[in-house]
């Protein structure tokens, strides 16, 4: 299995979680959140973060065995930290029952999650990668 395949596998395992978060983000503002919303956001975002971290480790391992930019690890860590912060913000909004804020943070989380796969591929493979757009709008 190539590193690209491994990253794609991690990304594929996130799909059901991303769909769940996208559905929650589309909720109507002002409508009370279901009791399970905070738990779902926590669980889904946590699963996505775990997969993104695993894919990042694979990308860094591959980069170290080939061309290696010393800043790759730091760059990936900063991106993962941003993703984690967006998840924390979405969870906090869900716990507060603020559907509008939760939706805003989930859309940011979705965009950052989409970007992290591109960043990981770029770390180990300098070839250009097509850009994927976020589906949350």
Protein backbone atom coordinates (compact mmCIF):
# COMPACT_ATOMS: atom_id res chain seq x y z
CA UNK A 1 0.00 0.00 0.00
CA UNK A 2 1.37 3.41 -0.94
CA UNK A 3 1.29 6.42 1.35
CA UNK A 4 -1.31 7.98 -0.95
CA UNK A 5 -3.47 4.89 -0.48
CA UNK A 6 -2.98 5.01 3.27
CA UNK A 7 -3.98 8.69 3.43
CA UNK A 8 -7.02 7.95 1.25
CA UNK A 9 -7.99 5.08 3.58
CA UNK A 10 -7.83 7.41 6.59
CA UNK A 11 -9.87 9.97 4.68
CA UNK A 12 -12.47 7.36 3.65
CA UNK A 13 -12.94 6.31 7.28
CA UNK A 14 -13.92 9.92 8.02
CA UNK A 15 -16.70 10.11 5.45
CA UNK A 16 -19.59 8.94 7.63
CA UNK A 17 -18.44 11.26 10.43
CA UNK A 18 -18.17 14.21 8.04
CA UNK A 19 -21.64 13.51 6.69
CA UNK A 20 -23.03 13.47 10.22
CA UNK A 21 -21.38 16.80 11.02
CA UNK A 22 -22.55 18.31 7.75
CA UNK A 23 -26.12 17.34 8.56
CA UNK A 24 -25.84 18.92 12.00
CA UNK A 25 -24.34 22.08 10.51
CA UNK A 26 -27.34 22.47 8.22
CA UNK A 27 -29.77 22.66 11.11
CA UNK A 28 -31.96 25.72 11.35
CA UNK A 29 -30.73 28.58 13.50
CA UNK A 30 -32.87 29.08 16.56
CA UNK A 31 -34.15 25.51 16.59
CA UNK A 32 -33.08 23.75 19.77
CA UNK A 33 -30.36 21.18 19.28
CA UNK A 34 -31.18 17.58 20.06
CA UNK A 35 -29.72 16.33 23.34
CA UNK A 36 -27.36 14.03 21.47
CA UNK A 37 -25.86 16.78 19.27
CA UNK A 38 -22.93 17.58 21.57
CA UNK A 39 -22.08 13.90 21.96
CA UNK A 40 -22.27 13.37 18.19
CA UNK A 41 -20.06 16.38 17.46
CA UNK A 42 -17.55 15.21 20.08
CA UNK A 43 -17.46 11.64 18.78
CA UNK A 44 -17.38 12.48 15.07
CA UNK A 45 -14.81 15.27 15.36
CA UNK A 46 -12.64 13.07 17.59
CA UNK A 47 -12.71 10.25 15.05
CA UNK A 48 -11.78 12.64 12.24
CA UNK A 49 -8.94 14.12 14.28
CA UNK A 50 -7.59 10.63 15.04
CA UNK A 51 -7.63 9.69 11.35
CA UNK A 52 -6.01 12.98 10.35
CA UNK A 53 -3.24 12.45 12.92
CA UNK A 54 -2.63 8.90 11.70
CA UNK A 55 -2.48 10.08 8.09
CA UNK A 56 -0.08 12.84 9.12
CA UNK A 57 2.23 10.32 10.77
CA UNK A 58 2.22 8.24 7.58
CA UNK A 59 2.99 11.29 5.45
CA UNK A 60 5.87 12.35 7.71
CA UNK A 61 7.31 8.84 7.75
CA UNK A 62 7.26 8.76 3.95
CA UNK A 63 8.75 12.25 3.75
CA UNK A 64 11.62 11.25 6.04
CA UNK A 65 12.48 8.31 3.81
CA UNK A 66 12.53 10.52 0.70
CA UNK A 67 12.87 14.26 0.38
CA UNK A 68 12.43 15.92 3.73
CA UNK A 69 11.69 19.47 4.67
CA UNK A 70 12.48 20.03 8.35
CA UNK A 71 9.41 22.25 8.71
CA UNK A 72 6.93 19.58 7.54
CA UNK A 73 6.24 18.25 11.02
CA UNK A 74 5.63 21.70 12.44
CA UNK A 75 3.44 22.66 9.50
CA UNK A 76 1.29 19.54 9.93
CA UNK A 77 1.09 20.04 13.71
CA UNK A 78 -0.16 23.61 13.29
CA UNK A 79 -2.83 22.44 10.82
CA UNK A 80 -3.92 19.65 13.17
CA UNK A 81 -4.06 22.11 16.07
CA UNK A 82 -6.34 24.37 14.02
CA UNK A 83 -8.57 21.41 13.24
CA UNK A 84 -8.70 20.48 16.94
CA UNK A 85 -9.53 24.07 17.91
CA UNK A 86 -12.41 24.16 15.42
CA UNK A 87 -13.68 20.87 16.87
CA UNK A 88 -13.46 22.24 20.42
CA UNK A 89 -15.36 25.36 19.38
CA UNK A 90 -18.10 23.29 17.72
CA UNK A 91 -18.43 21.05 20.79
CA UNK A 92 -18.63 24.07 23.10
CA UNK A 93 -21.35 25.65 20.95
CA UNK A 94 -23.28 22.37 20.83
CA UNK A 95 -23.08 22.01 24.62
CA UNK A 96 -24.33 25.58 24.97
CA UNK A 97 -27.22 24.73 22.64
CA UNK A 98 -26.20 27.40 20.13
CA UNK A 99 -27.03 25.85 16.77
CA UNK A 100 -25.93 28.88 14.71
CA UNK A 101 -22.47 28.98 16.30
CA UNK A 102 -22.14 25.21 16.14
CA UNK A 103 -22.94 25.30 12.42
CA UNK A 104 -20.38 28.03 11.83
CA UNK A 105 -17.67 26.09 13.66
CA UNK A 106 -18.59 22.84 11.91
CA UNK A 107 -18.29 24.52 8.53
CA UNK A 108 -14.84 25.77 9.53
CA UNK A 109 -13.95 22.28 10.78
CA UNK A 110 -15.10 20.77 7.47
CA UNK A 111 -12.96 23.20 5.45
CA UNK A 112 -9.91 22.52 7.64
CA UNK A 113 -10.46 18.76 7.45
CA UNK A 114 -10.63 18.95 3.67
CA UNK A 115 -7.45 21.01 3.55
CA UNK A 116 -5.50 18.70 5.85
CA UNK A 117 -5.66 15.81 3.36
CA UNK A 118 -4.14 18.02 0.68
CA UNK A 119 -1.44 19.20 3.06
CA UNK A 120 -0.56 15.64 4.05
CA UNK A 121 -0.23 14.53 0.47
CA UNK A 122 1.94 17.55 -0.31
CA UNK A 123 4.30 16.69 2.56
CA UNK A 124 5.37 13.41 1.01
CA UNK A 125 4.63 14.06 -2.68
CA UNK A 126 5.65 17.33 -4.32
CA UNK A 127 3.37 16.71 -7.34
CA UNK A 128 0.39 19.10 -7.57
CA UNK A 129 -2.83 17.81 -6.03
CA UNK A 130 -6.31 18.83 -7.21
CA UNK A 131 -8.18 21.03 -4.72
CA UNK A 132 -11.38 19.68 -3.18
CA UNK A 133 -13.99 22.18 -2.06
CA UNK A 134 -15.87 21.96 1.19
CA UNK A 135 -19.45 20.76 0.87
CA UNK A 136 -20.82 22.63 3.88
CA UNK A 137 -22.41 25.87 2.84
